[in-house]
Structure formats: structure tokens, C-alpha cells
Amino acid sequence: MVYWDRVKNFQTWVAVWIGTAGGAGLVPKMPGTAGSAVAVPLFWYFADWGWPYKLEILVAILLVGTWAAKVFDEAMQTGDNQCIVIDEVLGIGITTFLLTRQSTAWEWLAAFVLFRLFDIIKIAPVRQLDRWSKKKAKGGSPWYGGFGVMGDDLLAGVQGLIVMIILNEFHVFRNAL
């Protein structure tokens, strides 16, 4: 939930805009899925860029997203506010890291589904990072909370990427057509 009366300065406005991925997180039902969905065209656009450039984009999203999540949660007085979906943008970017524009729609769909699955079920070590960062954030350091918002999706994205690599090694997508 966004309490608009708490969005009082430019910094908070920017954090809300970034944190909600341009407003995708304001969707009332399944904001995480909406955040992931708006990120797919972005990463499709970058798909043929070299891996160093893609890595720089992901690091930038991690850093800016950590800041935005921290400022957003401080303003709303929440911890990992449901409207923050910049973390989903990061996660889907990681899961789609090896895809290209020539990748099939099935591959892009599989990456989307895998990331959402790993983000929702939070298997180890995703759940542990999520719990640890929330506990640290309650202890007085909101940067842990900002990183925790991003960190669990970073790990879920890595899990999705690993499965995408395995599926590619077994030529699952070539055989699907």
C-alpha cells in the first residue's frame, strides 16, 4: 500500500516511481507478477547486448533498487512493502540473462514462470536471506531491509537462471517446436 500523504518530497517520489517499476507495483492484484511482466520487454531490448553491459544494468538495478526500497519502506513505515516490485525487475533480468532476441517465446515464457515460481516459493537460500534481512532491518539498519527486498529476488533469479541453463543443455526448447 502506498500512503500518498507520506510522499512529501522529490526523493520519496523518485523512490516510489523506481520501487513500483514505473507504477506496475500499484496493480491491486499480483503486483509482483505485474512488475515481472513489465520487465520482460526491457530485458528483451537488452537481450543482444554483451554480457558485461547486461551485468552493469543488473548491478545498477540492484543498487538503485536497494536505495528505492529503503526510502520507500521508510516513508511508508513498512518492511518489504508489497508495492515494491523493482526487485522483480532485477530477478527476471537475472533469469533471462542468457536469452537473446532470437530465443523463442517459449524460452522467455519459461524464464518468466521459473522466476515467479522461485520468487513465490522461496526455497533455500532465498527464504533465509529474506528472514535475515528483515530481522536486521528491525534492528535499526534500513539498508539491510532495502537489500533484503532486492536480495531474495536476486537469489530467486539465479535459481531461475540455473534451471534455464539446465533446460538449454538438454535442448528442451529446441525439441518443443
C-alpha atoms as a PDB file:
ATOM      1  CA  MET A   1       0.000   0.000   0.000  1.00  0.00           C
ATOM      2  CA  VAL A   2       1.171   3.487  -0.800  1.00  0.00           C
ATOM      3  CA  TYR A   3       0.162   6.198   1.638  1.00  0.00           C
ATOM      4  CA  TRP A   4       0.279   9.147  -0.719  1.00  0.00           C
ATOM      5  CA  ASP A   5       0.154  11.675   2.114  1.00  0.00           C
ATOM      6  CA  ARG A   6       3.616  10.388   3.148  1.00  0.00           C
ATOM      7  CA  VAL A   7       5.110  11.096  -0.283  1.00  0.00           C
ATOM      8  CA  LYS A   8       6.183  14.623   0.566  1.00  0.00           C
ATOM      9  CA  ASN A   9       9.454  15.293  -1.211  1.00  0.00           C
ATOM     10  CA  PHE A  10      11.206  14.667  -4.506  1.00  0.00           C
ATOM     11  CA  GLN A  11      13.361  11.866  -3.103  1.00  0.00           C
ATOM     12  CA  THR A  12      10.321   9.917  -1.930  1.00  0.00           C
ATOM     13  CA  TRP A  13       8.542  10.473  -5.258  1.00  0.00           C
ATOM     14  CA  VAL A  14      11.561   9.092  -7.108  1.00  0.00           C
ATOM     15  CA  ALA A  15      11.788   6.124  -4.725  1.00  0.00           C
ATOM     16  CA  VAL A  16       8.093   5.349  -5.239  1.00  0.00           C
ATOM     17  CA  TRP A  17       8.447   5.599  -9.024  1.00  0.00           C
ATOM     18  CA  ILE A  18      11.521   3.350  -9.078  1.00  0.00           C
ATOM     19  CA  GLY A  19      10.253   0.998  -6.378  1.00  0.00           C
ATOM     20  CA  THR A  20       6.954   0.417  -8.165  1.00  0.00           C
ATOM     21  CA  ALA A  21       8.757  -0.014 -11.512  1.00  0.00           C
ATOM     22  CA  GLY A  22       7.006   2.962 -13.015  1.00  0.00           C
ATOM     23  CA  GLY A  23       3.694   2.110 -11.368  1.00  0.00           C
ATOM     24  CA  ALA A  24       3.488  -1.638 -12.032  1.00  0.00           C
ATOM     25  CA  GLY A  25       3.567  -2.295  -8.293  1.00  0.00           C
ATOM     26  CA  LEU A  26       0.379  -0.306  -7.858  1.00  0.00           C
ATOM     27  CA  VAL A  27      -1.651  -3.044  -9.566  1.00  0.00           C
ATOM     28  CA  PRO A  28      -4.036  -4.248  -6.830  1.00  0.00           C
ATOM     29  CA  LYS A  29      -3.770  -7.985  -7.594  1.00  0.00           C
ATOM     30  CA  MET A  30      -0.427  -9.769  -8.039  1.00  0.00           C
ATOM     31  CA  PRO A  31       1.865  -6.716  -8.182  1.00  0.00           C
ATOM     32  CA  GLY A  32       4.965  -8.949  -8.285  1.00  0.00           C
ATOM     33  CA  THR A  33       3.723 -10.608 -11.436  1.00  0.00           C
ATOM     34  CA  ALA A  34       2.960  -7.186 -12.919  1.00  0.00           C
ATOM     35  CA  GLY A  35       6.472  -5.999 -12.068  1.00  0.00           C
ATOM     36  CA  SER A  36       7.968  -9.071 -13.722  1.00  0.00           C
ATOM     37  CA  ALA A  37       5.750  -8.639 -16.782  1.00  0.00           C
ATOM     38  CA  VAL A  38       6.775  -5.022 -17.390  1.00  0.00           C
ATOM     39  CA  ALA A  39      10.438  -6.033 -17.097  1.00  0.00           C
ATOM     40  CA  VAL A  40      10.339  -8.677 -19.852  1.00  0.00           C
ATOM     41  CA  PRO A  41      10.238  -6.168 -22.760  1.00  0.00           C
ATOM     42  CA  LEU A  42      13.044  -4.202 -21.116  1.00  0.00           C
ATOM     43  CA  PHE A  43      15.316  -7.231 -20.970  1.00  0.00           C
ATOM     44  CA  TRP A  44      14.253  -8.365 -24.441  1.00  0.00           C
ATOM     45  CA  TYR A  45      15.509  -4.977 -25.648  1.00  0.00           C
ATOM     46  CA  PHE A  46      18.887  -5.580 -23.942  1.00  0.00           C
ATOM     47  CA  ALA A  47      18.996  -9.279 -24.887  1.00  0.00           C
ATOM     48  CA  ASP A  48      21.602  -8.952 -27.644  1.00  0.00           C
ATOM     49  CA  TRP A  49      23.890  -6.669 -25.698  1.00  0.00           C
ATOM     50  CA  GLY A  50      27.115  -8.256 -24.477  1.00  0.00           C
ATOM     51  CA  TRP A  51      27.185  -9.834 -21.049  1.00  0.00           C
ATOM     52  CA  PRO A  52      29.325  -7.061 -19.479  1.00  0.00           C
ATOM     53  CA  TYR A  53      26.656  -4.479 -20.385  1.00  0.00           C
ATOM     54  CA  LYS A  54      23.859  -6.697 -19.129  1.00  0.00           C
ATOM     55  CA  LEU A  55      25.761  -7.213 -15.882  1.00  0.00           C
ATOM     56  CA  GLU A  56      26.211  -3.452 -15.477  1.00  0.00           C
ATOM     57  CA  ILE A  57      22.463  -2.952 -15.963  1.00  0.00           C
ATOM     58  CA  LEU A  58      21.681  -5.582 -13.321  1.00  0.00           C
ATOM     59  CA  VAL A  59      24.156  -4.088 -10.836  1.00  0.00           C
ATOM     60  CA  ALA A  60      22.643  -0.637 -11.429  1.00  0.00           C
ATOM     61  CA  ILE A  61      19.135  -2.023 -10.827  1.00  0.00           C
ATOM     62  CA  LEU A  62      20.370  -3.724  -7.634  1.00  0.00           C
ATOM     63  CA  LEU A  63      21.932  -0.536  -6.275  1.00  0.00           C
ATOM     64  CA  VAL A  64      19.161   1.850  -7.272  1.00  0.00           C
ATOM     65  CA  GLY A  65      16.509  -0.667  -6.212  1.00  0.00           C
ATOM     66  CA  THR A  66      18.120  -1.115  -2.792  1.00  0.00           C
ATOM     67  CA  TRP A  67      18.059   2.639  -2.278  1.00  0.00           C
ATOM     68  CA  ALA A  68      14.472   2.962  -3.537  1.00  0.00           C
ATOM     69  CA  ALA A  69      13.233   0.090  -1.358  1.00  0.00           C
ATOM     70  CA  LYS A  70      14.903   1.631   1.702  1.00  0.00           C
ATOM     71  CA  VAL A  71      13.429   5.091   1.102  1.00  0.00           C
ATOM     72  CA  PHE A  72      10.009   3.668   0.121  1.00  0.00           C
ATOM     73  CA  ASP A  73       9.753   1.465   3.217  1.00  0.00           C
ATOM     74  CA  GLU A  74      10.930   4.280   5.487  1.00  0.00           C
ATOM     75  CA  ALA A  75       8.310   6.652   4.074  1.00  0.00           C
ATOM     76  CA  MET A  76       5.511   4.090   4.280  1.00  0.00           C
ATOM     77  CA  GLN A  77       6.750   2.729   7.635  1.00  0.00           C
ATOM     78  CA  THR A  78       6.657  -0.795   6.225  1.00  0.00           C
ATOM     79  CA  GLY A  79       9.065  -3.647   5.673  1.00  0.00           C
ATOM     80  CA  ASP A  80       9.188  -5.047   2.130  1.00  0.00           C
ATOM     81  CA  ASN A  81       6.068  -3.212   1.005  1.00  0.00           C
ATOM     82  CA  GLN A  82       4.026  -5.239  -1.487  1.00  0.00           C
ATOM     83  CA  CYS A  83       4.058  -2.344  -3.970  1.00  0.00           C
ATOM     84  CA  ILE A  84       7.848  -2.519  -4.306  1.00  0.00           C
ATOM     85  CA  VAL A  85       8.474  -4.539  -7.473  1.00  0.00           C
ATOM     86  CA  ILE A  86      11.870  -3.271  -8.619  1.00  0.00           C
ATOM     87  CA  ASP A  87      13.167  -6.480  -7.036  1.00  0.00           C
ATOM     88  CA  GLU A  88      11.099  -8.490  -9.529  1.00  0.00           C
ATOM     89  CA  VAL A  89      12.658  -6.455 -12.329  1.00  0.00           C
ATOM     90  CA  LEU A  90      16.088  -7.498 -11.071  1.00  0.00           C
ATOM     91  CA  GLY A  91      15.080 -11.146 -10.686  1.00  0.00           C
ATOM     92  CA  ILE A  92      13.582 -11.516 -14.142  1.00  0.00           C
ATOM     93  CA  GLY A  93      16.642  -9.777 -15.577  1.00  0.00           C
ATOM     94  CA  ILE A  94      18.881 -12.395 -14.000  1.00  0.00           C
ATOM     95  CA  THR A  95      16.720 -15.330 -15.101  1.00  0.00           C
ATOM     96  CA  THR A  96      16.671 -14.030 -18.705  1.00  0.00           C
ATOM     97  CA  PHE A  97      20.396 -13.133 -18.675  1.00  0.00           C
ATOM     98  CA  LEU A  98      21.422 -15.679 -21.320  1.00  0.00           C
ATOM     99  CA  LEU A  99      18.407 -15.247 -23.594  1.00  0.00           C
ATOM    100  CA  THR A 100      18.719 -13.357 -26.870  1.00  0.00           C
ATOM    101  CA  ARG A 101      16.222 -11.747 -29.206  1.00  0.00           C
ATOM    102  CA  GLN A 102      16.424 -14.950 -31.234  1.00  0.00           C
ATOM    103  CA  SER A 103      15.313 -17.001 -28.220  1.00  0.00           C
ATOM    104  CA  THR A 104      11.860 -18.462 -28.633  1.00  0.00           C
ATOM    105  CA  ALA A 105       8.741 -17.168 -26.962  1.00  0.00           C
ATOM    106  CA  TRP A 106       8.725 -20.469 -25.042  1.00  0.00           C
ATOM    107  CA  GLU A 107      12.125 -19.653 -23.557  1.00  0.00           C
ATOM    108  CA  TRP A 108      11.005 -16.190 -22.481  1.00  0.00           C
ATOM    109  CA  LEU A 109       7.797 -17.628 -21.034  1.00  0.00           C
ATOM    110  CA  ALA A 110       9.731 -20.365 -19.214  1.00  0.00           C
ATOM    111  CA  ALA A 111      12.085 -17.781 -17.711  1.00  0.00           C
ATOM    112  CA  PHE A 112       9.115 -15.702 -16.549  1.00  0.00           C
ATOM    113  CA  VAL A 113       7.350 -18.703 -14.979  1.00  0.00           C
ATOM    114  CA  LEU A 114      10.520 -20.061 -13.375  1.00  0.00           C
ATOM    115  CA  PHE A 115      11.413 -16.745 -11.799  1.00  0.00           C
ATOM    116  CA  ARG A 116       7.890 -16.213 -10.476  1.00  0.00           C
ATOM    117  CA  LEU A 117       7.855 -19.775  -9.098  1.00  0.00           C
ATOM    118  CA  PHE A 118      11.185 -19.366  -7.286  1.00  0.00           C
ATOM    119  CA  ASP A 119      10.189 -15.905  -6.047  1.00  0.00           C
ATOM    120  CA  ILE A 120       6.912 -17.174  -4.622  1.00  0.00           C
ATOM    121  CA  ILE A 121       8.019 -20.460  -3.037  1.00  0.00           C
ATOM    122  CA  LYS A 122      11.339 -19.045  -1.735  1.00  0.00           C
ATOM    123  CA  ILE A 123      13.360 -22.239  -1.441  1.00  0.00           C
ATOM    124  CA  ALA A 124      16.721 -22.143   0.345  1.00  0.00           C
ATOM    125  CA  PRO A 125      18.669 -19.899   0.479  1.00  0.00           C
ATOM    126  CA  VAL A 126      16.074 -17.330  -0.648  1.00  0.00           C
ATOM    127  CA  ARG A 127      13.859 -17.707   2.434  1.00  0.00           C
ATOM    128  CA  GLN A 128      16.828 -17.497   4.798  1.00  0.00           C
ATOM    129  CA  LEU A 129      18.113 -14.275   3.204  1.00  0.00           C
ATOM    130  CA  ASP A 130      14.615 -12.796   3.314  1.00  0.00           C
ATOM    131  CA  ARG A 131      14.214 -13.590   7.039  1.00  0.00           C
ATOM    132  CA  TRP A 132      17.739 -12.484   7.949  1.00  0.00           C
ATOM    133  CA  SER A 133      17.433  -9.116   6.222  1.00  0.00           C
ATOM    134  CA  LYS A 134      14.034  -8.392   7.763  1.00  0.00           C
ATOM    135  CA  LYS A 135      15.389  -9.205  11.220  1.00  0.00           C
ATOM    136  CA  LYS A 136      18.392  -6.921  10.649  1.00  0.00           C
ATOM    137  CA  ALA A 137      16.128  -4.139   9.362  1.00  0.00           C
ATOM    138  CA  LYS A 138      14.071  -4.303  12.569  1.00  0.00           C
ATOM    139  CA  GLY A 139      17.334  -3.935  14.461  1.00  0.00           C
ATOM    140  CA  GLY A 140      17.773  -0.401  13.167  1.00  0.00           C
ATOM    141  CA  SER A 141      19.567  -0.606   9.827  1.00  0.00           C
ATOM    142  CA  PRO A 142      17.124   0.076   6.992  1.00  0.00           C
ATOM    143  CA  TRP A 143      19.824  -0.693   4.403  1.00  0.00           C
ATOM    144  CA  TYR A 144      19.518  -4.333   5.375  1.00  0.00           C
ATOM    145  CA  GLY A 145      15.813  -4.068   4.631  1.00  0.00           C
ATOM    146  CA  GLY A 146      16.493  -2.404   1.281  1.00  0.00           C
ATOM    147  CA  PHE A 147      18.996  -5.078   0.353  1.00  0.00           C
ATOM    148  CA  GLY A 148      16.707  -7.813   1.684  1.00  0.00           C
ATOM    149  CA  VAL A 149      13.899  -6.637  -0.580  1.00  0.00           C
ATOM    150  CA  MET A 150      16.283  -6.970  -3.526  1.00  0.00           C
ATOM    151  CA  GLY A 151      18.374  -9.896  -2.287  1.00  0.00           C
ATOM    152  CA  ASP A 152      15.744 -12.606  -2.155  1.00  0.00           C
ATOM    153  CA  ASP A 153      14.710 -11.837  -5.743  1.00  0.00           C
ATOM    154  CA  LEU A 154      18.351 -11.749  -6.798  1.00  0.00           C
ATOM    155  CA  LEU A 155      18.741 -15.310  -5.493  1.00  0.00           C
ATOM    156  CA  ALA A 156      15.405 -16.415  -6.988  1.00  0.00           C
ATOM    157  CA  GLY A 157      16.639 -15.007 -10.310  1.00  0.00           C
ATOM    158  CA  VAL A 158      19.854 -17.016 -10.017  1.00  0.00           C
ATOM    159  CA  GLN A 159      17.833 -20.160  -9.290  1.00  0.00           C
ATOM    160  CA  GLY A 160      15.718 -19.493 -12.379  1.00  0.00           C
ATOM    161  CA  LEU A 161      18.859 -18.892 -14.453  1.00  0.00           C
ATOM    162  CA  ILE A 162      20.354 -22.204 -13.312  1.00  0.00           C
ATOM    163  CA  VAL A 163      17.222 -24.078 -14.377  1.00  0.00           C
ATOM    164  CA  MET A 164      17.212 -22.214 -17.717  1.00  0.00           C
ATOM    165  CA  ILE A 165      20.824 -23.332 -18.283  1.00  0.00           C
ATOM    166  CA  ILE A 166      19.912 -26.931 -17.469  1.00  0.00           C
ATOM    167  CA  LEU A 167      16.899 -26.843 -19.782  1.00  0.00           C
ATOM    168  CA  ASN A 168      19.078 -25.401 -22.536  1.00  0.00           C
ATOM    169  CA  GLU A 169      21.726 -28.096 -22.027  1.00  0.00           C
ATOM    170  CA  PHE A 170      19.052 -30.749 -22.528  1.00  0.00           C
ATOM    171  CA  HIS A 171      17.754 -28.914 -25.622  1.00  0.00           C
ATOM    172  CA  VAL A 172      14.280 -28.720 -24.126  1.00  0.00           C
ATOM    173  CA  PHE A 173      13.359 -25.629 -26.118  1.00  0.00           C
ATOM    174  CA  ARG A 174      14.676 -26.901 -29.447  1.00  0.00           C
ATOM    175  CA  ASN A 175      12.606 -30.040 -29.022  1.00  0.00           C
ATOM    176  CA  ALA A 176       9.489 -28.072 -28.042  1.00  0.00           C
ATOM    177  CA  LEU A 177       8.878 -26.834 -31.567  1.00  0.00           C
END
